[in-house]
N, C-alpha and C. Protein backbone atom coordinates (compact mmCIF):
# COMPACT_ATOMS: atom_id res chain seq x y z
N MET A 1 0.86 -1.16 0.00
CA MET A 1 0.00 0.00 0.00
C MET A 1 0.90 1.22 0.00
N SER A 2 0.46 2.24 -0.74
CA SER A 2 1.26 3.46 -0.76
C SER A 2 0.36 4.66 -1.07
N TYR A 3 0.92 5.84 -0.83
CA TYR A 3 0.26 7.06 -1.25
C TYR A 3 0.67 7.34 -2.70
N LEU A 4 -0.29 7.75 -3.50
CA LEU A 4 -0.07 8.09 -4.90
C LEU A 4 -0.70 9.45 -5.16
N THR A 5 -0.44 10.00 -6.31
CA THR A 5 -1.02 11.28 -6.70
C THR A 5 -1.03 12.25 -5.50
N ILE A 6 0.14 12.47 -4.96
CA ILE A 6 0.30 13.32 -3.79
C ILE A 6 0.33 14.77 -4.26
N GLU A 7 -0.65 15.56 -3.84
CA GLU A 7 -0.76 16.95 -4.27
C GLU A 7 -0.86 17.87 -3.04
N PRO A 8 0.28 18.19 -2.44
CA PRO A 8 0.27 19.02 -1.22
C PRO A 8 -0.40 20.38 -1.42
N ALA A 9 -0.24 20.99 -2.57
CA ALA A 9 -0.84 22.31 -2.81
C ALA A 9 -2.36 22.25 -2.74
N HIS A 10 -2.91 21.09 -3.09
CA HIS A 10 -4.37 20.91 -3.06
C HIS A 10 -4.81 20.12 -1.83
N ARG A 11 -3.82 19.69 -1.03
CA ARG A 11 -4.06 18.87 0.16
C ARG A 11 -4.90 17.64 -0.19
N SER A 12 -4.49 16.98 -1.27
CA SER A 12 -5.18 15.80 -1.78
C SER A 12 -4.15 14.70 -2.02
N VAL A 13 -4.54 13.48 -1.68
CA VAL A 13 -3.64 12.33 -1.85
C VAL A 13 -4.49 11.10 -2.17
N GLU A 14 -3.89 10.19 -2.89
CA GLU A 14 -4.56 8.93 -3.25
C GLU A 14 -3.90 7.80 -2.50
N ILE A 15 -4.69 6.84 -2.06
CA ILE A 15 -4.16 5.61 -1.49
C ILE A 15 -4.30 4.55 -2.58
N GLY A 16 -3.25 3.79 -2.80
CA GLY A 16 -3.33 2.81 -3.89
C GLY A 16 -2.25 1.76 -3.81
N HIS A 17 -2.17 0.99 -4.87
CA HIS A 17 -1.26 -0.17 -4.94
C HIS A 17 -1.45 -1.03 -3.70
N ILE A 18 -2.71 -1.20 -3.32
CA ILE A 18 -3.02 -1.99 -2.12
C ILE A 18 -3.02 -3.46 -2.51
N TRP A 19 -2.17 -4.20 -1.87
CA TRP A 19 -2.13 -5.64 -2.10
C TRP A 19 -1.88 -6.31 -0.77
N PHE A 20 -2.88 -7.03 -0.31
CA PHE A 20 -2.74 -7.82 0.90
C PHE A 20 -2.73 -9.29 0.50
N ALA A 21 -1.80 -10.04 1.05
CA ALA A 21 -1.77 -11.48 0.82
C ALA A 21 -3.11 -12.07 1.26
N PRO A 22 -3.52 -13.16 0.65
CA PRO A 22 -4.82 -13.75 1.00
C PRO A 22 -5.04 -13.96 2.50
N PHE A 23 -4.00 -14.36 3.24
CA PHE A 23 -4.19 -14.60 4.68
C PHE A 23 -4.44 -13.30 5.45
N LEU A 24 -4.14 -12.15 4.84
CA LEU A 24 -4.32 -10.87 5.51
C LEU A 24 -5.61 -10.15 5.08
N GLN A 25 -6.14 -10.55 3.93
CA GLN A 25 -7.33 -9.88 3.40
C GLN A 25 -8.51 -10.00 4.36
N LYS A 26 -9.23 -8.88 4.51
CA LYS A 26 -10.42 -8.81 5.35
C LYS A 26 -10.15 -9.17 6.80
N THR A 27 -8.97 -8.83 7.27
CA THR A 27 -8.62 -9.08 8.67
C THR A 27 -8.59 -7.76 9.44
N ARG A 28 -8.55 -7.89 10.75
CA ARG A 28 -8.45 -6.72 11.62
C ARG A 28 -7.15 -5.96 11.32
N ALA A 29 -6.07 -6.67 11.07
CA ALA A 29 -4.77 -6.04 10.79
C ALA A 29 -4.82 -5.26 9.48
N ALA A 30 -5.41 -5.81 8.45
CA ALA A 30 -5.50 -5.11 7.16
C ALA A 30 -6.35 -3.85 7.29
N THR A 31 -7.45 -3.97 8.01
CA THR A 31 -8.33 -2.82 8.22
C THR A 31 -7.61 -1.74 9.02
N GLU A 32 -6.85 -2.15 10.02
CA GLU A 32 -6.11 -1.17 10.81
C GLU A 32 -5.04 -0.49 9.96
N ALA A 33 -4.41 -1.21 9.04
CA ALA A 33 -3.41 -0.60 8.17
C ALA A 33 -4.03 0.50 7.30
N ILE A 34 -5.22 0.24 6.77
CA ILE A 34 -5.92 1.26 5.99
C ILE A 34 -6.24 2.45 6.88
N PHE A 35 -6.76 2.18 8.07
CA PHE A 35 -7.11 3.25 9.01
C PHE A 35 -5.89 4.11 9.33
N LEU A 36 -4.76 3.49 9.62
CA LEU A 36 -3.56 4.24 9.97
C LEU A 36 -3.09 5.13 8.83
N SER A 37 -3.21 4.65 7.60
CA SER A 37 -2.81 5.49 6.45
C SER A 37 -3.77 6.65 6.27
N LEU A 38 -5.06 6.42 6.49
CA LEU A 38 -6.03 7.51 6.42
C LEU A 38 -5.79 8.52 7.53
N ARG A 39 -5.62 8.02 8.74
CA ARG A 39 -5.41 8.90 9.90
C ARG A 39 -4.16 9.76 9.72
N HIS A 40 -3.11 9.16 9.20
CA HIS A 40 -1.87 9.92 8.99
C HIS A 40 -2.10 11.05 7.98
N ALA A 41 -2.77 10.72 6.88
CA ALA A 41 -3.01 11.73 5.84
C ALA A 41 -3.88 12.88 6.36
N PHE A 42 -4.96 12.55 7.05
CA PHE A 42 -5.88 13.59 7.52
C PHE A 42 -5.36 14.29 8.78
N ASP A 43 -5.00 13.52 9.78
CA ASP A 43 -4.69 14.11 11.09
C ASP A 43 -3.26 14.65 11.21
N ASP A 44 -2.30 13.95 10.64
CA ASP A 44 -0.91 14.38 10.77
C ASP A 44 -0.48 15.32 9.64
N LEU A 45 -0.88 15.00 8.41
CA LEU A 45 -0.44 15.79 7.25
C LEU A 45 -1.41 16.89 6.86
N GLY A 46 -2.63 16.85 7.40
CA GLY A 46 -3.60 17.90 7.14
C GLY A 46 -4.23 17.88 5.76
N TYR A 47 -4.26 16.70 5.14
CA TYR A 47 -4.91 16.61 3.83
C TYR A 47 -6.42 16.75 3.99
N ARG A 48 -7.08 17.23 2.93
CA ARG A 48 -8.52 17.45 2.97
C ARG A 48 -9.28 16.48 2.08
N ARG A 49 -8.53 15.65 1.33
CA ARG A 49 -9.17 14.71 0.42
C ARG A 49 -8.27 13.49 0.24
N MET A 50 -8.87 12.31 0.41
CA MET A 50 -8.19 11.05 0.14
C MET A 50 -8.95 10.38 -1.00
N GLU A 51 -8.22 9.94 -2.01
CA GLU A 51 -8.84 9.31 -3.17
C GLU A 51 -8.50 7.83 -3.22
N TRP A 52 -9.41 7.07 -3.78
CA TRP A 52 -9.23 5.64 -4.04
C TRP A 52 -9.68 5.45 -5.48
N LYS A 53 -8.78 4.98 -6.33
CA LYS A 53 -9.10 4.76 -7.74
C LYS A 53 -8.75 3.32 -8.07
N CYS A 54 -9.59 2.70 -8.89
CA CYS A 54 -9.33 1.32 -9.27
C CYS A 54 -9.94 1.02 -10.62
N ASN A 55 -9.47 -0.04 -11.23
CA ASN A 55 -10.07 -0.51 -12.47
C ASN A 55 -11.55 -0.77 -12.19
N ALA A 56 -12.41 -0.24 -13.03
CA ALA A 56 -13.86 -0.40 -12.82
C ALA A 56 -14.27 -1.87 -12.85
N LEU A 57 -13.45 -2.74 -13.43
CA LEU A 57 -13.76 -4.17 -13.47
C LEU A 57 -13.29 -4.92 -12.22
N ASN A 58 -12.55 -4.24 -11.34
CA ASN A 58 -12.01 -4.87 -10.15
C ASN A 58 -13.07 -4.86 -9.04
N ALA A 59 -13.87 -5.90 -9.01
CA ALA A 59 -14.99 -5.98 -8.06
C ALA A 59 -14.50 -5.96 -6.61
N GLY A 60 -13.38 -6.61 -6.33
CA GLY A 60 -12.87 -6.63 -4.96
C GLY A 60 -12.51 -5.24 -4.46
N SER A 61 -11.81 -4.48 -5.26
CA SER A 61 -11.42 -3.13 -4.87
C SER A 61 -12.63 -2.21 -4.79
N ARG A 62 -13.57 -2.37 -5.73
CA ARG A 62 -14.77 -1.54 -5.70
C ARG A 62 -15.63 -1.86 -4.48
N GLY A 63 -15.56 -3.08 -3.98
CA GLY A 63 -16.30 -3.43 -2.78
C GLY A 63 -15.59 -2.97 -1.51
N ALA A 64 -14.26 -2.97 -1.55
CA ALA A 64 -13.49 -2.57 -0.37
C ALA A 64 -13.60 -1.08 -0.09
N ALA A 65 -13.59 -0.27 -1.12
CA ALA A 65 -13.59 1.19 -0.93
C ALA A 65 -14.76 1.66 -0.06
N PRO A 66 -16.01 1.29 -0.36
CA PRO A 66 -17.11 1.74 0.50
C PRO A 66 -17.03 1.15 1.92
N ARG A 67 -16.51 -0.06 2.03
CA ARG A 67 -16.35 -0.66 3.36
C ARG A 67 -15.46 0.21 4.23
N PHE A 68 -14.46 0.84 3.63
CA PHE A 68 -13.53 1.69 4.35
C PHE A 68 -14.01 3.14 4.44
N GLY A 69 -15.22 3.41 4.02
CA GLY A 69 -15.79 4.74 4.17
C GLY A 69 -15.66 5.65 2.97
N PHE A 70 -15.12 5.15 1.88
CA PHE A 70 -15.00 5.95 0.67
C PHE A 70 -16.35 6.05 -0.04
N GLN A 71 -16.64 7.24 -0.55
CA GLN A 71 -17.88 7.48 -1.30
C GLN A 71 -17.59 7.34 -2.79
N PHE A 72 -18.46 6.65 -3.50
CA PHE A 72 -18.30 6.49 -4.95
C PHE A 72 -18.59 7.82 -5.64
N GLU A 73 -17.67 8.23 -6.51
CA GLU A 73 -17.84 9.49 -7.23
C GLU A 73 -18.20 9.28 -8.69
N GLY A 74 -17.85 8.15 -9.24
CA GLY A 74 -18.19 7.90 -10.64
C GLY A 74 -17.11 7.14 -11.38
N ILE A 75 -17.36 6.97 -12.67
CA ILE A 75 -16.45 6.24 -13.55
C ILE A 75 -15.83 7.22 -14.54
N PHE A 76 -14.53 7.16 -14.67
CA PHE A 76 -13.84 7.88 -15.74
C PHE A 76 -13.68 6.87 -16.88
N TYR A 77 -14.52 7.01 -17.89
CA TYR A 77 -14.53 6.06 -19.00
C TYR A 77 -13.34 6.28 -19.91
N ARG A 78 -12.77 5.17 -20.36
CA ARG A 78 -11.61 5.20 -21.26
C ARG A 78 -10.50 6.07 -20.67
N HIS A 79 -10.31 5.93 -19.39
CA HIS A 79 -9.38 6.75 -18.63
C HIS A 79 -7.91 6.43 -18.95
N ARG A 80 -7.61 5.18 -19.16
CA ARG A 80 -6.24 4.76 -19.41
C ARG A 80 -6.22 3.70 -20.51
N ILE A 81 -5.05 3.55 -21.11
CA ILE A 81 -4.81 2.42 -22.01
C ILE A 81 -3.79 1.54 -21.32
N ILE A 82 -4.21 0.35 -20.95
CA ILE A 82 -3.35 -0.59 -20.24
C ILE A 82 -3.22 -1.84 -21.10
N ASP A 83 -2.00 -2.18 -21.44
CA ASP A 83 -1.74 -3.35 -22.30
C ASP A 83 -2.57 -3.30 -23.57
N GLY A 84 -2.69 -2.10 -24.12
CA GLY A 84 -3.40 -1.94 -25.39
C GLY A 84 -4.91 -1.97 -25.29
N ARG A 85 -5.45 -1.99 -24.08
CA ARG A 85 -6.90 -2.05 -23.89
C ARG A 85 -7.37 -0.85 -23.09
N ASN A 86 -8.60 -0.44 -23.33
CA ASN A 86 -9.18 0.65 -22.55
C ASN A 86 -9.41 0.21 -21.12
N ARG A 87 -9.16 1.12 -20.21
CA ARG A 87 -9.46 0.89 -18.79
C ARG A 87 -10.36 2.01 -18.32
N ASP A 88 -11.50 1.64 -17.78
CA ASP A 88 -12.38 2.58 -17.10
C ASP A 88 -11.96 2.58 -15.63
N THR A 89 -11.92 3.77 -15.02
CA THR A 89 -11.46 3.89 -13.64
C THR A 89 -12.59 4.35 -12.74
N ALA A 90 -12.84 3.59 -11.68
CA ALA A 90 -13.82 3.97 -10.65
C ALA A 90 -13.12 4.86 -9.63
N TRP A 91 -13.74 5.98 -9.29
CA TRP A 91 -13.18 6.95 -8.34
C TRP A 91 -14.03 6.98 -7.08
N PHE A 92 -13.34 7.02 -5.94
CA PHE A 92 -13.96 7.11 -4.63
C PHE A 92 -13.18 8.15 -3.82
N SER A 93 -13.80 8.71 -2.79
CA SER A 93 -13.09 9.67 -1.96
C SER A 93 -13.65 9.69 -0.54
N ILE A 94 -12.81 10.21 0.35
CA ILE A 94 -13.20 10.64 1.69
C ILE A 94 -12.68 12.07 1.79
N THR A 95 -13.53 12.99 2.24
CA THR A 95 -13.08 14.37 2.42
C THR A 95 -12.90 14.66 3.91
N ASP A 96 -12.23 15.76 4.18
CA ASP A 96 -12.02 16.14 5.58
C ASP A 96 -13.33 16.38 6.30
N GLU A 97 -14.36 16.80 5.57
CA GLU A 97 -15.68 17.00 6.20
C GLU A 97 -16.30 15.68 6.64
N GLU A 98 -15.94 14.59 5.99
CA GLU A 98 -16.45 13.26 6.32
C GLU A 98 -15.55 12.52 7.31
N TRP A 99 -14.31 12.96 7.43
CA TRP A 99 -13.31 12.21 8.15
C TRP A 99 -13.66 11.93 9.60
N LEU A 100 -14.21 12.88 10.32
CA LEU A 100 -14.50 12.64 11.74
C LEU A 100 -15.45 11.45 11.92
N ALA A 101 -16.46 11.36 11.08
CA ALA A 101 -17.41 10.24 11.16
C ALA A 101 -16.74 8.94 10.73
N VAL A 102 -15.95 8.99 9.67
CA VAL A 102 -15.25 7.78 9.21
C VAL A 102 -14.27 7.31 10.28
N ARG A 103 -13.51 8.23 10.84
CA ARG A 103 -12.55 7.88 11.90
C ARG A 103 -13.27 7.25 13.08
N ALA A 104 -14.40 7.83 13.52
CA ALA A 104 -15.15 7.27 14.64
C ALA A 104 -15.64 5.85 14.33
N GLY A 105 -16.05 5.63 13.09
CA GLY A 105 -16.47 4.28 12.69
C GLY A 105 -15.34 3.28 12.77
N PHE A 106 -14.16 3.66 12.27
CA PHE A 106 -12.99 2.79 12.37
C PHE A 106 -12.63 2.52 13.82
N GLU A 107 -12.62 3.55 14.64
CA GLU A 107 -12.24 3.38 16.04
C GLU A 107 -13.21 2.46 16.76
N ALA A 108 -14.49 2.58 16.48
CA ALA A 108 -15.48 1.69 17.09
C ALA A 108 -15.29 0.26 16.60
N TRP A 109 -14.99 0.11 15.32
CA TRP A 109 -14.81 -1.23 14.75
C TRP A 109 -13.56 -1.88 15.33
N LEU A 110 -12.47 -1.13 15.44
CA LEU A 110 -11.21 -1.69 15.92
C LEU A 110 -11.20 -1.95 17.42
N ASP A 111 -12.12 -1.36 18.16
CA ASP A 111 -12.19 -1.55 19.61
C ASP A 111 -12.37 -3.04 19.93
N GLY A 112 -11.65 -3.49 20.92
CA GLY A 112 -11.73 -4.90 21.30
C GLY A 112 -13.13 -5.38 21.64
N ALA A 113 -13.99 -4.48 22.11
CA ALA A 113 -15.36 -4.85 22.45
C ALA A 113 -16.18 -5.23 21.22
N ASN A 114 -15.68 -4.89 20.04
CA ASN A 114 -16.41 -5.23 18.81
C ASN A 114 -16.11 -6.64 18.32
N PHE A 115 -15.29 -7.38 19.07
CA PHE A 115 -14.92 -8.74 18.65
C PHE A 115 -15.25 -9.74 19.74
N ASP A 116 -15.74 -10.91 19.30
CA ASP A 116 -16.07 -11.95 20.28
C ASP A 116 -14.79 -12.72 20.66
N GLU A 117 -14.95 -13.74 21.47
CA GLU A 117 -13.80 -14.51 21.96
C GLU A 117 -13.03 -15.18 20.84
N ALA A 118 -13.68 -15.47 19.72
CA ALA A 118 -13.03 -16.11 18.58
C ALA A 118 -12.44 -15.08 17.61
N GLY A 119 -12.58 -13.81 17.95
CA GLY A 119 -12.03 -12.77 17.09
C GLY A 119 -12.94 -12.33 15.95
N ARG A 120 -14.20 -12.78 16.00
CA ARG A 120 -15.16 -12.39 14.94
C ARG A 120 -15.79 -11.05 15.29
N GLN A 121 -15.94 -10.22 14.26
CA GLN A 121 -16.55 -8.91 14.47
C GLN A 121 -18.01 -9.05 14.89
N LYS A 122 -18.46 -8.12 15.72
CA LYS A 122 -19.86 -8.07 16.11
C LYS A 122 -20.64 -7.14 15.19
N GLN A 123 -19.99 -6.03 14.82
CA GLN A 123 -20.62 -5.07 13.91
C GLN A 123 -19.69 -4.84 12.73
N ARG A 124 -20.28 -4.66 11.56
CA ARG A 124 -19.49 -4.42 10.35
C ARG A 124 -18.98 -2.98 10.33
N LEU A 125 -17.78 -2.80 9.77
CA LEU A 125 -17.18 -1.47 9.67
C LEU A 125 -18.08 -0.52 8.88
N ALA A 126 -18.56 -0.96 7.74
CA ALA A 126 -19.40 -0.09 6.90
C ALA A 126 -20.63 0.37 7.67
N ASP A 127 -21.22 -0.51 8.48
CA ASP A 127 -22.40 -0.14 9.26
C ASP A 127 -22.06 0.90 10.32
N LEU A 128 -20.91 0.74 10.95
CA LEU A 128 -20.50 1.71 11.97
C LEU A 128 -20.22 3.07 11.36
N ILE A 129 -19.58 3.08 10.19
CA ILE A 129 -19.31 4.36 9.51
C ILE A 129 -20.62 5.01 9.09
N THR A 130 -21.53 4.24 8.55
CA THR A 130 -22.83 4.78 8.13
C THR A 130 -23.57 5.36 9.34
N ARG A 131 -23.54 4.67 10.46
CA ARG A 131 -24.18 5.17 11.67
C ARG A 131 -23.56 6.50 12.12
N GLU A 132 -22.25 6.58 12.08
CA GLU A 132 -21.55 7.82 12.49
C GLU A 132 -21.86 8.98 11.55
N ARG A 133 -22.05 8.66 10.28
CA ARG A 133 -22.37 9.73 9.30
C ARG A 133 -23.77 10.26 9.52
N GLY A 134 -24.61 9.46 10.17
CA GLY A 134 -25.98 9.90 10.47
C GLY A 134 -26.85 9.70 9.32
């Protein structure tokens, strides 16, 4: 995972090149890694916009973005040519105006009280973020 399209003048940054090994996917540790990168960008660096962009055909990435609190903004059609083929890009974002609610959702999800003795979540992250957004 890394920051991409870093634009300090606009206080905007993209999170991307996210690749978690199968044993790490959809785990508490993977979710916390995403949270820490978001928290660093918003709280430490003072960014006002975090972007998530992915191939529109990548169902896994398109499903993960809303789970992490990103709002779908739309599709940039014929955005790139990759290996000689058109790529449509799905765009998602979290803004600083949304961050407090998203952060509260992550913090509630990551809290030990949200997990049973076997380590299974009691409440879904997306549900907690939606609740915080009101």
